[in-house]
Amino acid sequence: MEETNNYSLLYRLAMRLFNLKIEDARLVLAVKLTKLLGAIVYLFVGFMLLLCLLGFIAAAIGHLLCEVMPPVWAYLIIAAFYLVLLCIIVMAKKQIIINPIARFISRLIVEPPKKHI
């Protein structure tokens, strides 16, 4: 009789531990997804504001250049600048875009090892 009580107690404790581990995994997942989605929204808003800023700066530079050269050439110079910028981003895609995203995701998912005192 005692043996069955010990086994049932062991089974109940193992199930409780399993359920607690599942709940902990859910909470950790919720925290990490919150951080990830927050970073995505933050970057999206920052990117949109940066695009607006670049648009206004390009228009201002275009107006300034129109005073010293024909408007067509002024705006072609600005377009060439953006084309060069695009080429730089495409050539350095790994260093500028992929590596920072990979570092952020790995820092978010993989926890650093805990140091024992």
PDB file of N, CA and C in Angstrom:
ATOM      1  N   MET A   1       0.823  -1.191   0.000  1.00  0.00           N
ATOM      2  CA  MET A   1       0.000   0.000   0.000  1.00  0.00           C
ATOM      3  C   MET A   1       0.867   1.256   0.000  1.00  0.00           C
ATOM      4  N   GLU A   2       1.934   1.223   0.804  1.00  0.00           N
ATOM      5  CA  GLU A   2       2.823   2.382   0.867  1.00  0.00           C
ATOM      6  C   GLU A   2       3.512   2.626  -0.463  1.00  0.00           C
ATOM      7  N   GLU A   3       3.862   1.551  -1.156  1.00  0.00           N
ATOM      8  CA  GLU A   3       4.550   1.680  -2.444  1.00  0.00           C
ATOM      9  C   GLU A   3       3.680   2.402  -3.457  1.00  0.00           C
ATOM     10  N   THR A   4       2.394   2.083  -3.512  1.00  0.00           N
ATOM     11  CA  THR A   4       1.507   2.757  -4.469  1.00  0.00           C
ATOM     12  C   THR A   4       1.343   4.220  -4.117  1.00  0.00           C
ATOM     13  N   ASN A   5       1.319   4.544  -2.823  1.00  0.00           N
ATOM     14  CA  ASN A   5       1.236   5.959  -2.418  1.00  0.00           C
ATOM     15  C   ASN A   5       2.496   6.708  -2.831  1.00  0.00           C
ATOM     16  N   ASN A   6       3.650   6.077  -2.689  1.00  0.00           N
ATOM     17  CA  ASN A   6       4.903   6.712  -3.086  1.00  0.00           C
ATOM     18  C   ASN A   6       4.946   6.947  -4.592  1.00  0.00           C
ATOM     19  N   TYR A   7       4.479   5.937  -5.366  1.00  0.00           N
ATOM     20  CA  TYR A   7       4.469   6.101  -6.815  1.00  0.00           C
ATOM     21  C   TYR A   7       3.477   7.174  -7.256  1.00  0.00           C
ATOM     22  N   SER A   8       2.311   7.189  -6.622  1.00  0.00           N
ATOM     23  CA  SER A   8       1.321   8.203  -7.008  1.00  0.00           C
ATOM     24  C   SER A   8       1.798   9.601  -6.604  1.00  0.00           C
ATOM     25  N   LEU A   9       2.451   9.692  -5.440  1.00  0.00           N
ATOM     26  CA  LEU A   9       3.005  10.985  -5.031  1.00  0.00           C
ATOM     27  C   LEU A   9       4.116  11.414  -5.984  1.00  0.00           C
ATOM     28  N   LEU A  10       4.976  10.475  -6.365  1.00  0.00           N
ATOM     29  CA  LEU A  10       6.041  10.778  -7.319  1.00  0.00           C
ATOM     30  C   LEU A  10       5.457  11.203  -8.665  1.00  0.00           C
ATOM     31  N   TYR A  11       4.402  10.525  -9.108  1.00  0.00           N
ATOM     32  CA  TYR A  11       3.752  10.868 -10.375  1.00  0.00           C
ATOM     33  C   TYR A  11       3.136  12.276 -10.308  1.00  0.00           C
ATOM     34  N   ARG A  12       2.440  12.576  -9.216  1.00  0.00           N
ATOM     35  CA  ARG A  12       1.827  13.905  -9.058  1.00  0.00           C
ATOM     36  C   ARG A  12       2.898  14.993  -9.027  1.00  0.00           C
ATOM     37  N   LEU A  13       3.989  14.753  -8.326  1.00  0.00           N
ATOM     38  CA  LEU A  13       5.065  15.746  -8.257  1.00  0.00           C
ATOM     39  C   LEU A  13       5.737  15.930  -9.620  1.00  0.00           C
ATOM     40  N   ALA A  14       5.932  14.829 -10.344  1.00  0.00           N
ATOM     41  CA  ALA A  14       6.524  14.927 -11.675  1.00  0.00           C
ATOM     42  C   ALA A  14       5.601  15.691 -12.621  1.00  0.00           C
ATOM     43  N   MET A  15       4.309  15.445 -12.553  1.00  0.00           N
ATOM     44  CA  MET A  15       3.350  16.175 -13.399  1.00  0.00           C
ATOM     45  C   MET A  15       3.311  17.655 -13.027  1.00  0.00           C
ATOM     46  N   ARG A  16       3.391  17.953 -11.735  1.00  0.00           N
ATOM     47  CA  ARG A  16       3.408  19.359 -11.305  1.00  0.00           C
ATOM     48  C   ARG A  16       4.670  20.048 -11.825  1.00  0.00           C
ATOM     49  N   LEU A  17       5.803  19.380 -11.727  1.00  0.00           N
ATOM     50  CA  LEU A  17       7.050  19.941 -12.242  1.00  0.00           C
ATOM     51  C   LEU A  17       6.962  20.159 -13.750  1.00  0.00           C
ATOM     52  N   PHE A  18       6.415  19.192 -14.459  1.00  0.00           N
ATOM     53  CA  PHE A  18       6.250  19.317 -15.907  1.00  0.00           C
ATOM     54  C   PHE A  18       5.350  20.502 -16.256  1.00  0.00           C
ATOM     55  N   ASN A  19       4.238  20.635 -15.540  1.00  0.00           N
ATOM     56  CA  ASN A  19       3.320  21.754 -15.797  1.00  0.00           C
ATOM     57  C   ASN A  19       3.971  23.097 -15.467  1.00  0.00           C
ATOM     58  N   LEU A  20       4.764  23.145 -14.422  1.00  0.00           N
ATOM     59  CA  LEU A  20       5.465  24.383 -14.079  1.00  0.00           C
ATOM     60  C   LEU A  20       6.507  24.737 -15.132  1.00  0.00           C
ATOM     61  N   LYS A  21       7.198  23.725 -15.648  1.00  0.00           N
ATOM     62  CA  LYS A  21       8.184  23.978 -16.711  1.00  0.00           C
ATOM     63  C   LYS A  21       7.489  24.502 -17.970  1.00  0.00           C
ATOM     64  N   ILE A  22       6.331  23.932 -18.298  1.00  0.00           N
ATOM     65  CA  ILE A  22       5.565  24.404 -19.467  1.00  0.00           C
ATOM     66  C   ILE A  22       5.134  25.860 -19.248  1.00  0.00           C
ATOM     67  N   GLU A  23       4.640  26.175 -18.075  1.00  0.00           N
ATOM     68  CA  GLU A  23       4.202  27.549 -17.780  1.00  0.00           C
ATOM     69  C   GLU A  23       5.377  28.515 -17.828  1.00  0.00           C
ATOM     70  N   ASP A  24       6.529  28.094 -17.316  1.00  0.00           N
ATOM     71  CA  ASP A  24       7.730  28.933 -17.380  1.00  0.00           C
ATOM     72  C   ASP A  24       8.144  29.182 -18.828  1.00  0.00           C
ATOM     73  N   ALA A  25       8.081  28.150 -19.652  1.00  0.00           N
ATOM     74  CA  ALA A  25       8.430  28.307 -21.066  1.00  0.00           C
ATOM     75  C   ALA A  25       7.469  29.272 -21.753  1.00  0.00           C
ATOM     76  N   ARG A  26       6.197  29.213 -21.419  1.00  0.00           N
ATOM     77  CA  ARG A  26       5.215  30.137 -21.996  1.00  0.00           C
ATOM     78  C   ARG A  26       5.527  31.576 -21.601  1.00  0.00           C
ATOM     79  N   LEU A  27       5.845  31.785 -20.335  1.00  0.00           N
ATOM     80  CA  LEU A  27       6.153  33.144 -19.868  1.00  0.00           C
ATOM     81  C   LEU A  27       7.427  33.681 -20.516  1.00  0.00           C
ATOM     82  N   VAL A  28       8.443  32.838 -20.626  1.00  0.00           N
ATOM     83  CA  VAL A  28       9.690  33.260 -21.272  1.00  0.00           C
ATOM     84  C   VAL A  28       9.431  33.600 -22.730  1.00  0.00           C
ATOM     85  N   LEU A  29       8.630  32.780 -23.405  1.00  0.00           N
ATOM     86  CA  LEU A  29       8.280  33.045 -24.801  1.00  0.00           C
ATOM     87  C   LEU A  29       7.518  34.362 -24.931  1.00  0.00           C
ATOM     88  N   ALA A  30       6.595  34.617 -24.010  1.00  0.00           N
ATOM     89  CA  ALA A  30       5.830  35.870 -24.057  1.00  0.00           C
ATOM     90  C   ALA A  30       6.742  37.081 -23.886  1.00  0.00           C
ATOM     91  N   VAL A  31       7.682  36.992 -22.961  1.00  0.00           N
ATOM     92  CA  VAL A  31       8.616  38.102 -22.735  1.00  0.00           C
ATOM     93  C   VAL A  31       9.485  38.329 -23.965  1.00  0.00           C
ATOM     94  N   LYS A  32      10.001  37.263 -24.530  1.00  0.00           N
ATOM     95  CA  LYS A  32      10.890  37.401 -25.691  1.00  0.00           C
ATOM     96  C   LYS A  32      10.129  37.899 -26.919  1.00  0.00           C
ATOM     97  N   LEU A  33       8.913  37.433 -27.131  1.00  0.00           N
ATOM     98  CA  LEU A  33       8.119  37.932 -28.253  1.00  0.00           C
ATOM     99  C   LEU A  33       7.762  39.402 -28.063  1.00  0.00           C
ATOM    100  N   THR A  34       7.500  39.801 -26.828  1.00  0.00           N
ATOM    101  CA  THR A  34       7.219  41.209 -26.554  1.00  0.00           C
ATOM    102  C   THR A  34       8.423  42.070 -26.888  1.00  0.00           C
ATOM    103  N   LYS A  35       9.598  41.627 -26.487  1.00  0.00           N
ATOM    104  CA  LYS A  35      10.811  42.382 -26.807  1.00  0.00           C
ATOM    105  C   LYS A  35      11.046  42.439 -28.311  1.00  0.00           C
ATOM    106  N   LEU A  36      10.842  41.321 -28.996  1.00  0.00           N
ATOM    107  CA  LEU A  36      11.055  41.276 -30.438  1.00  0.00           C
ATOM    108  C   LEU A  36      10.075  42.177 -31.172  1.00  0.00           C
ATOM    109  N   LEU A  37       8.807  42.084 -30.846  1.00  0.00           N
ATOM    110  CA  LEU A  37       7.814  42.920 -31.515  1.00  0.00           C
ATOM    111  C   LEU A  37       8.003  44.390 -31.178  1.00  0.00           C
ATOM    112  N   GLY A  38       8.396  44.684 -29.951  1.00  0.00           N
ATOM    113  CA  GLY A  38       8.691  46.068 -29.583  1.00  0.00           C
ATOM    114  C   GLY A  38       9.848  46.628 -30.396  1.00  0.00           C
ATOM    115  N   ALA A  39      10.876  45.818 -30.588  1.00  0.00           N
ATOM    116  CA  ALA A  39      12.015  46.263 -31.393  1.00  0.00           C
ATOM    117  C   ALA A  39      11.618  46.461 -32.849  1.00  0.00           C
ATOM    118  N   ILE A  40      10.763  45.585 -33.374  1.00  0.00           N
ATOM    119  CA  ILE A  40      10.316  45.723 -34.761  1.00  0.00           C
ATOM    120  C   ILE A  40       9.523  47.015 -34.938  1.00  0.00           C
ATOM    121  N   VAL A  41       8.602  47.293 -34.033  1.00  0.00           N
ATOM    122  CA  VAL A  41       7.805  48.524 -34.130  1.00  0.00           C
ATOM    123  C   VAL A  41       8.700  49.748 -33.978  1.00  0.00           C
ATOM    124  N   TYR A  42       9.627  49.694 -33.031  1.00  0.00           N
ATOM    125  CA  TYR A  42      10.550  50.804 -32.805  1.00  0.00           C
ATOM    126  C   TYR A  42      11.375  51.087 -34.062  1.00  0.00           C
ATOM    127  N   LEU A  43      11.913  50.048 -34.678  1.00  0.00           N
ATOM    128  CA  LEU A  43      12.701  50.227 -35.895  1.00  0.00           C
ATOM    129  C   LEU A  43      11.847  50.714 -37.059  1.00  0.00           C
ATOM    130  N   PHE A  44      10.623  50.226 -37.164  1.00  0.00           N
ATOM    131  CA  PHE A  44       9.737  50.663 -38.242  1.00  0.00           C
ATOM    132  C   PHE A  44       9.418  52.154 -38.121  1.00  0.00           C
ATOM    133  N   VAL A  45       9.068  52.594 -36.925  1.00  0.00           N
ATOM    134  CA  VAL A  45       8.761  54.016 -36.715  1.00  0.00           C
ATOM    135  C   VAL A  45      10.004  54.864 -36.962  1.00  0.00           C
ATOM    136  N   GLY A  46      11.138  54.418 -36.453  1.00  0.00           N
ATOM    137  CA  GLY A  46      12.381  55.155 -36.689  1.00  0.00           C
ATOM    138  C   GLY A  46      12.734  55.225 -38.165  1.00  0.00           C
ATOM    139  N   PHE A  47      12.526  54.132 -38.889  1.00  0.00           N
ATOM    140  CA  PHE A  47      12.814  54.100 -40.322  1.00  0.00           C
ATOM    141  C   PHE A  47      11.896  55.063 -41.077  1.00  0.00           C
ATOM    142  N   MET A  48      10.616  55.105 -40.723  1.00  0.00           N
ATOM    143  CA  MET A  48       9.682  56.022 -41.390  1.00  0.00           C
ATOM    144  C   MET A  48      10.060  57.479 -41.119  1.00  0.00           C
ATOM    145  N   LEU A  49      10.422  57.775 -39.891  1.00  0.00           N
ATOM    146  CA  LEU A  49      10.834  59.143 -39.575  1.00  0.00           C
ATOM    147  C   LEU A  49      12.127  59.507 -40.308  1.00  0.00           C
ATOM    148  N   LEU A  50      13.037  58.569 -40.418  1.00  0.00           N
ATOM    149  CA  LEU A  50      14.280  58.811 -41.151  1.00  0.00           C
ATOM    150  C   LEU A  50      14.010  59.070 -42.628  1.00  0.00           C
ATOM    151  N   LEU A  51      13.070  58.320 -43.212  1.00  0.00           N
ATOM    152  CA  LEU A  51      12.712  58.552 -44.615  1.00  0.00           C
ATOM    153  C   LEU A  51      12.117  59.944 -44.818  1.00  0.00           C
ATOM    154  N   CYS A  52      11.252  60.368 -43.902  1.00  0.00           N
ATOM    155  CA  CYS A  52      10.689  61.724 -43.995  1.00  0.00           C
ATOM    156  C   CYS A  52      11.794  62.765 -43.882  1.00  0.00           C
ATOM    157  N   LEU A  53      12.703  62.568 -42.950  1.00  0.00           N
ATOM    158  CA  LEU A  53      13.813  63.496 -42.776  1.00  0.00           C
ATOM    159  C   LEU A  53      14.670  63.572 -44.032  1.00  0.00           C
ATOM    160  N   LEU A  54      15.010  62.415 -44.600  1.00  0.00           N
ATOM    161  CA  LEU A  54      15.808  62.406 -45.825  1.00  0.00           C
ATOM    162  C   LEU A  54      15.076  63.080 -46.988  1.00  0.00           C
ATOM    163  N   GLY A  55      13.774  62.896 -47.068  1.00  0.00           N
ATOM    164  CA  GLY A  55      12.999  63.544 -48.124  1.00  0.00           C
ATOM    165  C   GLY A  55      13.045  65.058 -48.014  1.00  0.00           C
ATOM    166  N   PHE A  56      12.869  65.571 -46.803  1.00  0.00           N
ATOM    167  CA  PHE A  56      12.914  67.021 -46.613  1.00  0.00           C
ATOM    168  C   PHE A  56      14.318  67.585 -46.844  1.00  0.00           C
ATOM    169  N   ILE A  57      15.320  66.853 -46.392  1.00  0.00           N
ATOM    170  CA  ILE A  57      16.697  67.316 -46.620  1.00  0.00           C
ATOM    171  C   ILE A  57      17.010  67.310 -48.108  1.00  0.00           C
ATOM    172  N   ALA A  58      16.574  66.274 -48.833  1.00  0.00           N
ATOM    173  CA  ALA A  58      16.816  66.221 -50.276  1.00  0.00           C
ATOM    174  C   ALA A  58      16.111  67.376 -50.989  1.00  0.00           C
ATOM    175  N   ALA A  59      14.891  67.677 -50.582  1.00  0.00           N
ATOM    176  CA  ALA A  59      14.171  68.796 -51.204  1.00  0.00           C
ATOM    177  C   ALA A  59      14.870  70.122 -50.921  1.00  0.00           C
ATOM    178  N   ALA A  60      15.346  70.300 -49.693  1.00  0.00           N
ATOM    179  CA  ALA A  60      16.045  71.548 -49.352  1.00  0.00           C
ATOM    180  C   ALA A  60      17.350  71.681 -50.135  1.00  0.00           C
ATOM    181  N   ILE A  61      18.097  70.593 -50.239  1.00  0.00           N
ATOM    182  CA  ILE A  61      19.348  70.644 -51.006  1.00  0.00           C
ATOM    183  C   ILE A  61      19.051  70.882 -52.483  1.00  0.00           C
ATOM    184  N   GLY A  62      17.988  70.271 -52.989  1.00  0.00           N
ATOM    185  CA  GLY A  62      17.601  70.501 -54.380  1.00  0.00           C
ATOM    186  C   GLY A  62      17.268  71.958 -54.641  1.00  0.00           C
ATOM    187  N   HIS A  63      16.547  72.588 -53.737  1.00  0.00           N
ATOM    188  CA  HIS A  63      16.222  74.008 -53.900  1.00  0.00           C
ATOM    189  C   HIS A  63      17.484  74.866 -53.845  1.00  0.00           C
ATOM    190  N   LEU A  64      18.394  74.516 -52.952  1.00  0.00           N
ATOM    191  CA  LEU A  64      19.646  75.288 -52.875  1.00  0.00           C
ATOM    192  C   LEU A  64      20.471  75.128 -54.147  1.00  0.00           C
ATOM    193  N   LEU A  65      20.545  73.904 -54.655  1.00  0.00           N
ATOM    194  CA  LEU A  65      21.313  73.676 -55.879  1.00  0.00           C
ATOM    195  C   LEU A  65      20.659  74.332 -57.099  1.00  0.00           C
ATOM    196  N   CYS A  66      19.352  74.497 -57.063  1.00  0.00           N
ATOM    197  CA  CYS A  66      18.657  75.129 -58.197  1.00  0.00           C
ATOM    198  C   CYS A  66      19.079  76.585 -58.383  1.00  0.00           C
ATOM    199  N   GLU A  67      19.605  77.190 -57.330  1.00  0.00           N
ATOM    200  CA  GLU A  67      20.041  78.583 -57.443  1.00  0.00           C
ATOM    201  C   GLU A  67      21.346  78.719 -58.222  1.00  0.00           C
ATOM    202  N   VAL A  68      22.141  77.634 -58.277  1.00  0.00           N
ATOM    203  CA  VAL A  68      23.438  77.734 -58.951  1.00  0.00           C
ATOM    204  C   VAL A  68      23.512  76.905 -60.237  1.00  0.00           C
ATOM    205  N   MET A  69      22.503  76.091 -60.516  1.00  0.00           N
ATOM    206  CA  MET A  69      22.514  75.271 -61.736  1.00  0.00           C
ATOM    207  C   MET A  69      21.073  75.008 -62.163  1.00  0.00           C
ATOM    208  N   PRO A  70      20.894  74.487 -63.347  1.00  0.00           N
ATOM    209  CA  PRO A  70      19.532  74.159 -63.783  1.00  0.00           C
ATOM    210  C   PRO A  70      18.896  73.108 -62.859  1.00  0.00           C
ATOM    211  N   PRO A  71      17.580  73.208 -62.643  1.00  0.00           N
ATOM    212  CA  PRO A  71      16.896  72.283 -61.716  1.00  0.00           C
ATOM    213  C   PRO A  71      17.053  70.808 -62.077  1.00  0.00           C
ATOM    214  N   VAL A  72      17.084  70.491 -63.360  1.00  0.00           N
ATOM    215  CA  VAL A  72      17.229  69.089 -63.761  1.00  0.00           C
ATOM    216  C   VAL A  72      18.532  68.521 -63.228  1.00  0.00           C
ATOM    217  N   TRP A  73      19.616  69.258 -63.393  1.00  0.00           N
ATOM    218  CA  TRP A  73      20.919  68.778 -62.906  1.00  0.00           C
ATOM    219  C   TRP A  73      20.969  68.715 -61.383  1.00  0.00           C
ATOM    220  N   ALA A  74      20.335  69.638 -60.731  1.00  0.00           N
ATOM    221  CA  ALA A  74      20.323  69.637 -59.260  1.00  0.00           C
ATOM    222  C   ALA A  74      19.665  68.366 -58.732  1.00  0.00           C
ATOM    223  N   TYR A  75      18.504  68.041 -59.300  1.00  0.00           N
ATOM    224  CA  TYR A  75      17.801  66.851 -58.821  1.00  0.00           C
ATOM    225  C   TYR A  75      18.456  65.558 -59.311  1.00  0.00           C
ATOM    226  N   LEU A  76      19.151  65.609 -60.432  1.00  0.00           N
ATOM    227  CA  LEU A  76      19.915  64.432 -60.866  1.00  0.00           C
ATOM    228  C   LEU A  76      21.103  64.170 -59.938  1.00  0.00           C
ATOM    229  N   ILE A  77      21.712  65.216 -59.434  1.00  0.00           N
ATOM    230  CA  ILE A  77      22.811  65.048 -58.472  1.00  0.00           C
ATOM    231  C   ILE A  77      22.292  64.386 -57.194  1.00  0.00           C
ATOM    232  N   ILE A  78      21.129  64.816 -56.729  1.00  0.00           N
ATOM    233  CA  ILE A  78      20.543  64.213 -55.525  1.00  0.00           C
ATOM    234  C   ILE A  78      20.191  62.749 -55.787  1.00  0.00           C
ATOM    235  N   ALA A  79      19.631  62.459 -56.954  1.00  0.00           N
ATOM    236  CA  ALA A  79      19.301  61.067 -57.296  1.00  0.00           C
ATOM    237  C   ALA A  79      20.561  60.213 -57.378  1.00  0.00           C
ATOM    238  N   ALA A  80      21.640  60.770 -57.924  1.00  0.00           N
ATOM    239  CA  ALA A  80      22.902  60.023 -57.992  1.00  0.00           C
ATOM    240  C   ALA A  80      23.432  59.729 -56.592  1.00  0.00           C
ATOM    241  N   PHE A  81      23.283  60.687 -55.678  1.00  0.00           N
ATOM    242  CA  PHE A  81      23.712  60.457 -54.297  1.00  0.00           C
ATOM    243  C   PHE A  81      22.947  59.284 -53.690  1.00  0.00           C
ATOM    244  N   TYR A  82      21.633  59.271 -53.898  1.00  0.00           N
ATOM    245  CA  TYR A  82      20.826  58.169 -53.363  1.00  0.00           C
ATOM    246  C   TYR A  82      21.179  56.844 -54.039  1.00  0.00           C
ATOM    247  N   LEU A  83      21.519  56.876 -55.306  1.00  0.00           N
ATOM    248  CA  LEU A  83      21.934  55.663 -56.004  1.00  0.00           C
ATOM    249  C   LEU A  83      23.246  55.122 -55.440  1.00  0.00           C
ATOM    250  N   VAL A  84      24.197  56.003 -55.166  1.00  0.00           N
ATOM    251  CA  VAL A  84      25.465  55.591 -54.545  1.00  0.00           C
ATOM    252  C   VAL A  84      25.205  55.024 -53.152  1.00  0.00           C
ATOM    253  N   LEU A  85      24.328  55.666 -52.410  1.00  0.00           N
ATOM    254  CA  LEU A  85      23.979  55.187 -51.069  1.00  0.00           C
ATOM    255  C   LEU A  85      23.343  53.797 -51.140  1.00  0.00           C
ATOM    256  N   LEU A  86      22.470  53.588 -52.115  1.00  0.00           N
ATOM    257  CA  LEU A  86      21.852  52.277 -52.301  1.00  0.00           C
ATOM    258  C   LEU A  86      22.894  51.223 -52.654  1.00  0.00           C
ATOM    259  N   CYS A  87      23.837  51.557 -53.511  1.00  0.00           N
ATOM    260  CA  CYS A  87      24.898  50.609 -53.873  1.00  0.00           C
ATOM    261  C   CYS A  87      25.744  50.236 -52.661  1.00  0.00           C
ATOM    262  N   ILE A  88      26.052  51.204 -51.824  1.00  0.00           N
ATOM    263  CA  ILE A  88      26.837  50.925 -50.610  1.00  0.00           C
ATOM    264  C   ILE A  88      26.063  49.985 -49.692  1.00  0.00           C
ATOM    265  N   ILE A  89      24.775  50.235 -49.537  1.00  0.00           N
ATOM    266  CA  ILE A  89      23.965  49.377 -48.666  1.00  0.00           C
ATOM    267  C   ILE A  89      23.878  47.958 -49.232  1.00  0.00           C
ATOM    268  N   VAL A  90      23.710  47.833 -50.541  1.00  0.00           N
ATOM    269  CA  VAL A  90      23.625  46.498 -51.151  1.00  0.00           C
ATOM    270  C   VAL A  90      24.942  45.749 -51.011  1.00  0.00           C
ATOM    271  N   MET A  91      26.061  46.452 -51.210  1.00  0.00           N
ATOM    272  CA  MET A  91      27.363  45.779 -51.108  1.00  0.00           C
ATOM    273  C   MET A  91      27.711  45.405 -49.672  1.00  0.00           C
ATOM    274  N   ALA A  92      27.284  46.207 -48.713  1.00  0.00           N
ATOM    275  CA  ALA A  92      27.606  45.936 -47.308  1.00  0.00           C
ATOM    276  C   ALA A  92      26.386  45.419 -46.561  1.00  0.00           C
ATOM    277  N   LYS A  93      25.528  44.682 -47.260  1.00  0.00           N
ATOM    278  CA  LYS A  93      24.280  44.196 -46.670  1.00  0.00           C
ATOM    279  C   LYS A  93      24.529  43.351 -45.417  1.00  0.00           C
ATOM    280  N   LYS A  94      25.512  42.492 -45.487  1.00  0.00           N
ATOM    281  CA  LYS A  94      25.772  41.594 -44.364  1.00  0.00           C
ATOM    282  C   LYS A  94      26.197  42.370 -43.116  1.00  0.00           C
ATOM    283  N   GLN A  95      27.104  43.336 -43.283  1.00  0.00           N
ATOM    284  CA  GLN A  95      27.603  44.088 -42.138  1.00  0.00           C
ATOM    285  C   GLN A  95      26.570  45.089 -41.614  1.00  0.00           C
ATOM    286  N   ILE A  96      25.789  45.667 -42.511  1.00  0.00           N
ATOM    287  CA  ILE A  96      24.864  46.724 -42.104  1.00  0.00           C
ATOM    288  C   ILE A  96      23.524  46.178 -41.627  1.00  0.00           C
ATOM    289  N   ILE A  97      23.024  45.124 -42.271  1.00  0.00           N
ATOM    290  CA  ILE A  97      21.666  44.656 -41.985  1.00  0.00           C
ATOM    291  C   ILE A  97      21.652  43.293 -41.302  1.00  0.00           C
ATOM    292  N   ILE A  98      22.281  42.311 -41.894  1.00  0.00           N
ATOM    293  CA  ILE A  98      22.125  40.930 -41.423  1.00  0.00           C
ATOM    294  C   ILE A  98      22.797  40.697 -40.069  1.00  0.00           C
ATOM    295  N   ASN A  99      24.048  41.123 -39.916  1.00  0.00           N
ATOM    296  CA  ASN A  99      24.758  40.869 -38.663  1.00  0.00           C
ATOM    297  C   ASN A  99      24.093  41.530 -37.450  1.00  0.00           C
ATOM    298  N   PRO A 100      23.664  42.797 -37.509  1.00  0.00           N
ATOM    299  CA  PRO A 100      22.981  43.361 -36.340  1.00  0.00           C
ATOM    300  C   PRO A 100      21.678  42.639 -35.994  1.00  0.00           C
ATOM    301  N   ILE A 101      20.918  42.218 -37.006  1.00  0.00           N
ATOM    302  CA  ILE A 101      19.684  41.484 -36.736  1.00  0.00           C
ATOM    303  C   ILE A 101      20.007  40.134 -36.102  1.00  0.00           C
ATOM    304  N   ALA A 102      21.015  39.452 -36.629  1.00  0.00           N
ATOM    305  CA  ALA A 102      21.398  38.141 -36.065  1.00  0.00           C
ATOM    306  C   ALA A 102      21.881  38.282 -34.621  1.00  0.00           C
ATOM    307  N   ARG A 103      22.656  39.327 -34.348  1.00  0.00           N
ATOM    308  CA  ARG A 103      23.116  39.546 -32.968  1.00  0.00           C
ATOM    309  C   ARG A 103      21.946  39.806 -32.034  1.00  0.00           C
ATOM    310  N   PHE A 104      20.993  40.630 -32.476  1.00  0.00           N
ATOM    311  CA  PHE A 104      19.843  40.942 -31.631  1.00  0.00           C
ATOM    312  C   PHE A 104      19.020  39.695 -31.353  1.00  0.00           C
ATOM    313  N   ILE A 105      18.731  38.911 -32.391  1.00  0.00           N
ATOM    314  CA  ILE A 105      17.920  37.704 -32.218  1.00  0.00           C
ATOM    315  C   ILE A 105      18.645  36.687 -31.345  1.00  0.00           C
ATOM    316  N   SER A 106      19.952  36.518 -31.555  1.00  0.00           N
ATOM    317  CA  SER A 106      20.678  35.534 -30.742  1.00  0.00           C
ATOM    318  C   SER A 106      20.768  35.987 -29.291  1.00  0.00           C
ATOM    319  N   ARG A 107      20.928  37.292 -29.058  1.00  0.00           N
ATOM    320  CA  ARG A 107      20.932  37.784 -27.679  1.00  0.00           C
ATOM    321  C   ARG A 107      19.575  37.606 -27.028  1.00  0.00           C
ATOM    322  N   LEU A 108      18.522  37.714 -27.830  1.00  0.00           N
ATOM    323  CA  LEU A 108      17.178  37.573 -27.305  1.00  0.00           C
ATOM    324  C   LEU A 108      16.854  36.118 -26.984  1.00  0.00           C
ATOM    325  N   ILE A 109      17.267  35.211 -27.851  1.00  0.00           N
ATOM    326  CA  ILE A 109      16.899  33.806 -27.684  1.00  0.00           C
ATOM    327  C   ILE A 109      17.867  33.060 -26.774  1.00  0.00           C
ATOM    328  N   VAL A 110      19.164  33.217 -27.014  1.00  0.00           N
ATOM    329  CA  VAL A 110      20.152  32.466 -26.253  1.00  0.00           C
ATOM    330  C   VAL A 110      20.577  33.286 -25.041  1.00  0.00           C
ATOM    331  N   GLU A 111      20.402  32.687 -23.883  1.00  0.00           N
ATOM    332  CA  GLU A 111      20.782  33.364 -22.646  1.00  0.00           C
ATOM    333  C   GLU A 111      22.280  33.161 -22.403  1.00  0.00           C
ATOM    334  N   PRO A 112      22.959  34.199 -21.912  1.00  0.00           N
ATOM    335  CA  PRO A 112      24.384  34.014 -21.613  1.00  0.00           C
ATOM    336  C   PRO A 112      24.571  33.033 -20.467  1.00  0.00           C
ATOM    337  N   PRO A 113      25.694  32.330 -20.456  1.00  0.00           N
ATOM    338  CA  PRO A 113      25.924  31.366 -19.361  1.00  0.00           C
ATOM    339  C   PRO A 113      26.018  32.089 -18.019  1.00  0.00           C
ATOM    340  N   LYS A 114      25.459  31.468 -17.013  1.00  0.00           N
ATOM    341  CA  LYS A 114      25.473  32.067 -15.682  1.00  0.00           C
ATOM    342  C   LYS A 114      26.805  31.745 -15.012  1.00  0.00           C
ATOM    343  N   LYS A 115      27.398  32.754 -14.422  1.00  0.00           N
ATOM    344  CA  LYS A 115      28.674  32.568 -13.743  1.00  0.00           C
ATOM    345  C   LYS A 115      28.436  32.101 -12.327  1.00  0.00           C
ATOM    346  N   HIS A 116      29.142  31.075 -11.949  1.00  0.00           N
ATOM    347  CA  HIS A 116      29.030  30.548 -10.598  1.00  0.00           C
ATOM    348  C   HIS A 116      30.093  31.193  -9.732  1.00  0.00           C
ATOM    349  N   ILE A 117      29.695  31.557  -8.555  1.00  0.00           N
ATOM    350  CA  ILE A 117      30.636  32.213  -7.624  1.00  0.00           C
ATOM    351  C   ILE A 117      31.370  31.185  -6.821  1.00  0.00           C
TER     352      ILE A 117
END
